Amino acid sequence: MWTVVYIASSRQLAEDLKANLTSEGLLVMLRAAGSSQAGDTGAHEILVPESEAEEAHEIISETLSN
């Protein structure tokens, strides 16, 4: 089952975080959050398999603190 681990404020931030997570070997899926008309400027959910959620949280925390 896929689990939302972070909601990014923009598609660009979501893509950057996805790149970091996939470089660590995690499976990642992005999904627009809220209005489907938000496009690239709207919030995007970052999802990973439930078994990888804890590791994903750690990687995202490290990435955002740098």
PDB file of N, CA and C in Angstrom:
ATOM      1  N   MET A   1       0.844  -1.176   0.000  1.00  0.00           N
ATOM      2  CA  MET A   1       0.000   0.000   0.000  1.00  0.00           C
ATOM      3  C   MET A   1       0.893   1.245   0.000  1.00  0.00           C
ATOM      4  N   TRP A   2       0.518   2.208  -0.811  1.00  0.00           N
ATOM      5  CA  TRP A   2       1.261   3.470  -0.889  1.00  0.00           C
ATOM      6  C   TRP A   2       0.829   4.388   0.251  1.00  0.00           C
ATOM      7  N   THR A   3       1.807   5.120   0.805  1.00  0.00           N
ATOM      8  CA  THR A   3       1.575   5.999   1.950  1.00  0.00           C
ATOM      9  C   THR A   3       2.123   7.386   1.654  1.00  0.00           C
ATOM     10  N   VAL A   4       1.338   8.418   1.958  1.00  0.00           N
ATOM     11  CA  VAL A   4       1.819   9.794   1.797  1.00  0.00           C
ATOM     12  C   VAL A   4       2.817  10.079   2.914  1.00  0.00           C
ATOM     13  N   VAL A   5       4.025  10.511   2.535  1.00  0.00           N
ATOM     14  CA  VAL A   5       5.044  10.824   3.533  1.00  0.00           C
ATOM     15  C   VAL A   5       5.340  12.317   3.612  1.00  0.00           C
ATOM     16  N   TYR A   6       4.892  13.075   2.606  1.00  0.00           N
ATOM     17  CA  TYR A   6       5.135  14.519   2.631  1.00  0.00           C
ATOM     18  C   TYR A   6       4.225  15.181   1.603  1.00  0.00           C
ATOM     19  N   ILE A   7       3.800  16.397   1.899  1.00  0.00           N
ATOM     20  CA  ILE A   7       3.049  17.196   0.934  1.00  0.00           C
ATOM     21  C   ILE A   7       3.894  18.415   0.609  1.00  0.00           C
ATOM     22  N   ALA A   8       4.408  18.434  -0.606  1.00  0.00           N
ATOM     23  CA  ALA A   8       5.275  19.527  -1.058  1.00  0.00           C
ATOM     24  C   ALA A   8       4.421  20.686  -1.549  1.00  0.00           C
ATOM     25  N   SER A   9       4.913  21.896  -1.389  1.00  0.00           N
ATOM     26  CA  SER A   9       4.152  23.086  -1.761  1.00  0.00           C
ATOM     27  C   SER A   9       4.134  23.340  -3.266  1.00  0.00           C
ATOM     28  N   SER A  10       5.030  22.668  -4.008  1.00  0.00           N
ATOM     29  CA  SER A  10       5.073  22.844  -5.457  1.00  0.00           C
ATOM     30  C   SER A  10       5.535  21.556  -6.119  1.00  0.00           C
ATOM     31  N   ARG A  11       5.280  21.447  -7.404  1.00  0.00           N
ATOM     32  CA  ARG A  11       5.725  20.259  -8.141  1.00  0.00           C
ATOM     33  C   ARG A  11       7.252  20.199  -8.168  1.00  0.00           C
ATOM     34  N   GLN A  12       7.916  21.353  -8.282  1.00  0.00           N
ATOM     35  CA  GLN A  12       9.380  21.363  -8.333  1.00  0.00           C
ATOM     36  C   GLN A  12       9.978  20.783  -7.055  1.00  0.00           C
ATOM     37  N   LEU A  13       9.465  21.188  -5.900  1.00  0.00           N
ATOM     38  CA  LEU A  13       9.960  20.647  -4.636  1.00  0.00           C
ATOM     39  C   LEU A  13       9.682  19.148  -4.567  1.00  0.00           C
ATOM     40  N   ALA A  14       8.503  18.739  -5.009  1.00  0.00           N
ATOM     41  CA  ALA A  14       8.163  17.316  -5.007  1.00  0.00           C
ATOM     42  C   ALA A  14       9.122  16.524  -5.894  1.00  0.00           C
ATOM     43  N   GLU A  15       9.445  17.055  -7.062  1.00  0.00           N
ATOM     44  CA  GLU A  15      10.371  16.385  -7.978  1.00  0.00           C
ATOM     45  C   GLU A  15      11.772  16.286  -7.366  1.00  0.00           C
ATOM     46  N   ASP A  16      12.209  17.354  -6.696  1.00  0.00           N
ATOM     47  CA  ASP A  16      13.531  17.352  -6.051  1.00  0.00           C
ATOM     48  C   ASP A  16      13.594  16.291  -4.950  1.00  0.00           C
ATOM     49  N   LEU A  17      12.546  16.228  -4.127  1.00  0.00           N
ATOM     50  CA  LEU A  17      12.518  15.236  -3.056  1.00  0.00           C
ATOM     51  C   LEU A  17      12.422  13.823  -3.629  1.00  0.00           C
ATOM     52  N   LYS A  18      11.652  13.665  -4.691  1.00  0.00           N
ATOM     53  CA  LYS A  18      11.550  12.357  -5.342  1.00  0.00           C
ATOM     54  C   LYS A  18      12.925  11.902  -5.828  1.00  0.00           C
ATOM     55  N   ALA A  19      13.682  12.819  -6.424  1.00  0.00           N
ATOM     56  CA  ALA A  19      15.018  12.474  -6.915  1.00  0.00           C
ATOM     57  C   ALA A  19      15.914  12.004  -5.772  1.00  0.00           C
ATOM     58  N   ASN A  20      15.845  12.681  -4.629  1.00  0.00           N
ATOM     59  CA  ASN A  20      16.652  12.282  -3.471  1.00  0.00           C
ATOM     60  C   ASN A  20      16.241  10.909  -2.959  1.00  0.00           C
ATOM     61  N   LEU A  21      14.951  10.672  -2.892  1.00  0.00           N
ATOM     62  CA  LEU A  21      14.458   9.387  -2.385  1.00  0.00           C
ATOM     63  C   LEU A  21      14.807   8.243  -3.333  1.00  0.00           C
ATOM     64  N   THR A  22      14.646   8.455  -4.623  1.00  0.00           N
ATOM     65  CA  THR A  22      14.952   7.385  -5.569  1.00  0.00           C
ATOM     66  C   THR A  22      16.451   7.111  -5.634  1.00  0.00           C
ATOM     67  N   SER A  23      17.266   8.134  -5.417  1.00  0.00           N
ATOM     68  CA  SER A  23      18.716   7.909  -5.407  1.00  0.00           C
ATOM     69  C   SER A  23      19.132   7.045  -4.216  1.00  0.00           C
ATOM     70  N   GLU A  24      18.284   6.999  -3.189  1.00  0.00           N
ATOM     71  CA  GLU A  24      18.529   6.143  -2.020  1.00  0.00           C
ATOM     72  C   GLU A  24      17.880   4.764  -2.187  1.00  0.00           C
ATOM     73  N   GLY A  25      17.278   4.521  -3.345  1.00  0.00           N
ATOM     74  CA  GLY A  25      16.722   3.209  -3.636  1.00  0.00           C
ATOM     75  C   GLY A  25      15.256   3.019  -3.285  1.00  0.00           C
ATOM     76  N   LEU A  26      14.554   4.099  -2.951  1.00  0.00           N
ATOM     77  CA  LEU A  26      13.138   3.980  -2.606  1.00  0.00           C
ATOM     78  C   LEU A  26      12.263   4.124  -3.844  1.00  0.00           C
ATOM     79  N   LEU A  27      11.109   3.463  -3.811  1.00  0.00           N
ATOM     80  CA  LEU A  27      10.100   3.644  -4.851  1.00  0.00           C
ATOM     81  C   LEU A  27       9.287   4.877  -4.470  1.00  0.00           C
ATOM     82  N   VAL A  28       9.029   5.756  -5.433  1.00  0.00           N
ATOM     83  CA  VAL A  28       8.336   7.008  -5.137  1.00  0.00           C
ATOM     84  C   VAL A  28       7.310   7.295  -6.219  1.00  0.00           C
ATOM     85  N   MET A  29       6.169   7.815  -5.789  1.00  0.00           N
ATOM     86  CA  MET A  29       5.120   8.234  -6.699  1.00  0.00           C
ATOM     87  C   MET A  29       4.677   9.638  -6.273  1.00  0.00           C
ATOM     88  N   LEU A  30       4.396  10.499  -7.244  1.00  0.00           N
ATOM     89  CA  LEU A  30       3.884  11.836  -6.961  1.00  0.00           C
ATOM     90  C   LEU A  30       2.425  11.914  -7.394  1.00  0.00           C
ATOM     91  N   ARG A  31       1.667  12.736  -6.650  1.00  0.00           N
ATOM     92  CA  ARG A  31       0.248  12.912  -6.966  1.00  0.00           C
ATOM     93  C   ARG A  31      -0.151  14.331  -6.593  1.00  0.00           C
ATOM     94  N   ALA A  32      -0.835  15.008  -7.494  1.00  0.00           N
ATOM     95  CA  ALA A  32      -1.310  16.355  -7.199  1.00  0.00           C
ATOM     96  C   ALA A  32      -2.290  16.296  -6.033  1.00  0.00           C
ATOM     97  N   ALA A  33      -2.170  17.247  -5.130  1.00  0.00           N
ATOM     98  CA  ALA A  33      -3.057  17.301  -3.963  1.00  0.00           C
ATOM     99  C   ALA A  33      -4.074  18.421  -4.159  1.00  0.00           C
ATOM    100  N   GLY A  34      -5.272  18.192  -3.687  1.00  0.00           N
ATOM    101  CA  GLY A  34      -6.289  19.222  -3.776  1.00  0.00           C
ATOM    102  C   GLY A  34      -6.831  19.364  -5.184  1.00  0.00           C
ATOM    103  N   SER A  35      -7.019  20.585  -5.619  1.00  0.00           N
ATOM    104  CA  SER A  35      -7.607  20.871  -6.917  1.00  0.00           C
ATOM    105  C   SER A  35      -6.748  20.326  -8.048  1.00  0.00           C
ATOM    106  N   SER A  36      -7.363  19.625  -8.969  1.00  0.00           N
ATOM    107  CA  SER A  36      -6.625  19.074 -10.109  1.00  0.00           C
ATOM    108  C   SER A  36      -6.185  20.170 -11.065  1.00  0.00           C
ATOM    109  N   GLN A  37      -6.705  21.376 -10.898  1.00  0.00           N
ATOM    110  CA  GLN A  37      -6.331  22.491 -11.756  1.00  0.00           C
ATOM    111  C   GLN A  37      -5.148  23.259 -11.196  1.00  0.00           C
ATOM    112  N   ALA A  38      -4.587  22.802 -10.080  1.00  0.00           N
ATOM    113  CA  ALA A  38      -3.467  23.517  -9.456  1.00  0.00           C
ATOM    114  C   ALA A  38      -2.219  23.477 -10.326  1.00  0.00           C
ATOM    115  N   GLY A  39      -2.077  22.443 -11.139  1.00  0.00           N
ATOM    116  CA  GLY A  39      -0.933  22.348 -12.037  1.00  0.00           C
ATOM    117  C   GLY A  39       0.380  22.251 -11.296  1.00  0.00           C
ATOM    118  N   ASP A  40       1.421  22.843 -11.857  1.00  0.00           N
ATOM    119  CA  ASP A  40       2.755  22.754 -11.277  1.00  0.00           C
ATOM    120  C   ASP A  40       2.918  23.596 -10.018  1.00  0.00           C
ATOM    121  N   THR A  41       2.055  24.579  -9.813  1.00  0.00           N
ATOM    122  CA  THR A  41       2.220  25.469  -8.667  1.00  0.00           C
ATOM    123  C   THR A  41       1.514  24.962  -7.418  1.00  0.00           C
ATOM    124  N   GLY A  42       0.649  23.988  -7.558  1.00  0.00           N
ATOM    125  CA  GLY A  42      -0.105  23.486  -6.416  1.00  0.00           C
ATOM    126  C   GLY A  42       0.667  22.449  -5.618  1.00  0.00           C
ATOM    127  N   ALA A  43       0.090  22.075  -4.501  1.00  0.00           N
ATOM    128  CA  ALA A  43       0.706  21.086  -3.621  1.00  0.00           C
ATOM    129  C   ALA A  43       0.703  19.702  -4.282  1.00  0.00           C
ATOM    130  N   HIS A  44       1.744  18.938  -3.969  1.00  0.00           N
ATOM    131  CA  HIS A  44       1.875  17.579  -4.496  1.00  0.00           C
ATOM    132  C   HIS A  44       2.235  16.634  -3.361  1.00  0.00           C
ATOM    133  N   GLU A  45       1.584  15.489  -3.348  1.00  0.00           N
ATOM    134  CA  GLU A  45       1.868  14.467  -2.340  1.00  0.00           C
ATOM    135  C   GLU A  45       3.007  13.582  -2.823  1.00  0.00           C
ATOM    136  N   ILE A  46       3.856  13.205  -1.885  1.00  0.00           N
ATOM    137  CA  ILE A  46       4.928  12.256  -2.158  1.00  0.00           C
ATOM    138  C   ILE A  46       4.537  10.963  -1.456  1.00  0.00           C
ATOM    139  N   LEU A  47       4.440   9.892  -2.227  1.00  0.00           N
ATOM    140  CA  LEU A  47       4.014   8.604  -1.701  1.00  0.00           C
ATOM    141  C   LEU A  47       5.116   7.567  -1.880  1.00  0.00           C
ATOM    142  N   VAL A  48       5.241   6.691  -0.900  1.00  0.00           N
ATOM    143  CA  VAL A  48       6.168   5.564  -0.957  1.00  0.00           C
ATOM    144  C   VAL A  48       5.436   4.337  -0.433  1.00  0.00           C
ATOM    145  N   PRO A  49       5.950   3.147  -0.730  1.00  0.00           N
ATOM    146  CA  PRO A  49       5.348   1.959  -0.126  1.00  0.00           C
ATOM    147  C   PRO A  49       5.408   2.066   1.398  1.00  0.00           C
ATOM    148  N   GLU A  50       4.381   1.561   2.053  1.00  0.00           N
ATOM    149  CA  GLU A  50       4.269   1.672   3.512  1.00  0.00           C
ATOM    150  C   GLU A  50       5.524   1.172   4.223  1.00  0.00           C
ATOM    151  N   SER A  51       6.143   0.128   3.693  1.00  0.00           N
ATOM    152  CA  SER A  51       7.335  -0.444   4.324  1.00  0.00           C
ATOM    153  C   SER A  51       8.551   0.476   4.247  1.00  0.00           C
ATOM    154  N   GLU A  52       8.512   1.497   3.381  1.00  0.00           N
ATOM    155  CA  GLU A  52       9.634   2.416   3.223  1.00  0.00           C
ATOM    156  C   GLU A  52       9.358   3.794   3.830  1.00  0.00           C
ATOM    157  N   ALA A  53       8.212   3.961   4.479  1.00  0.00           N
ATOM    158  CA  ALA A  53       7.797   5.275   4.965  1.00  0.00           C
ATOM    159  C   ALA A  53       8.759   5.863   5.996  1.00  0.00           C
ATOM    160  N   GLU A  54       9.195   5.061   6.944  1.00  0.00           N
ATOM    161  CA  GLU A  54      10.082   5.579   7.988  1.00  0.00           C
ATOM    162  C   GLU A  54      11.401   6.074   7.390  1.00  0.00           C
ATOM    163  N   GLU A  55      11.971   5.289   6.494  1.00  0.00           N
ATOM    164  CA  GLU A  55      13.224   5.694   5.848  1.00  0.00           C
ATOM    165  C   GLU A  55      13.013   6.959   5.009  1.00  0.00           C
ATOM    166  N   ALA A  56      11.876   7.038   4.335  1.00  0.00           N
ATOM    167  CA  ALA A  56      11.570   8.215   3.526  1.00  0.00           C
ATOM    168  C   ALA A  56      11.476   9.466   4.392  1.00  0.00           C
ATOM    169  N   HIS A  57      10.843   9.367   5.559  1.00  0.00           N
ATOM    170  CA  HIS A  57      10.754  10.502   6.473  1.00  0.00           C
ATOM    171  C   HIS A  57      12.140  10.984   6.880  1.00  0.00           C
ATOM    172  N   GLU A  58      13.026  10.058   7.173  1.00  0.00           N
ATOM    173  CA  GLU A  58      14.386  10.419   7.576  1.00  0.00           C
ATOM    174  C   GLU A  58      15.119  11.145   6.445  1.00  0.00           C
ATOM    175  N   ILE A  59      15.011  10.628   5.237  1.00  0.00           N
ATOM    176  CA  ILE A  59      15.678  11.242   4.098  1.00  0.00           C
ATOM    177  C   ILE A  59      15.108  12.633   3.813  1.00  0.00           C
ATOM    178  N   ILE A  60      13.800  12.768   3.861  1.00  0.00           N
ATOM    179  CA  ILE A  60      13.173  14.070   3.624  1.00  0.00           C
ATOM    180  C   ILE A  60      13.605  15.068   4.695  1.00  0.00           C
ATOM    181  N   SER A  61      13.628  14.655   5.956  1.00  0.00           N
ATOM    182  CA  SER A  61      14.059  15.542   7.045  1.00  0.00           C
ATOM    183  C   SER A  61      15.484  16.025   6.825  1.00  0.00           C
ATOM    184  N   GLU A  62      16.366  15.106   6.460  1.00  0.00           N
ATOM    185  CA  GLU A  62      17.763  15.473   6.205  1.00  0.00           C
ATOM    186  C   GLU A  62      17.868  16.433   5.028  1.00  0.00           C
ATOM    187  N   THR A  63      17.113  16.160   3.967  1.00  0.00           N
ATOM    188  CA  THR A  63      17.151  16.991   2.770  1.00  0.00           C
ATOM    189  C   THR A  63      16.664  18.401   3.060  1.00  0.00           C
ATOM    190  N   LEU A  64      15.568  18.524   3.778  1.00  0.00           N
ATOM    191  CA  LEU A  64      14.991  19.842   4.043  1.00  0.00           C
ATOM    192  C   LEU A  64      15.789  20.647   5.073  1.00  0.00           C
ATOM    193  N   SER A  65      16.573  19.965   5.893  1.00  0.00           N
ATOM    194  CA  SER A  65      17.354  20.702   6.890  1.00  0.00           C
ATOM    195  C   SER A  65      18.656  21.244   6.324  1.00  0.00           C
ATOM    196  N   ASN A  66      19.020  20.818   5.123  1.00  0.00           N
ATOM    197  CA  ASN A  66      20.266  21.308   4.485  1.00  0.00           C
ATOM    198  C   ASN A  66      20.030  22.564   3.717  1.00  0.00           C
TER     199      ASN A  66
END
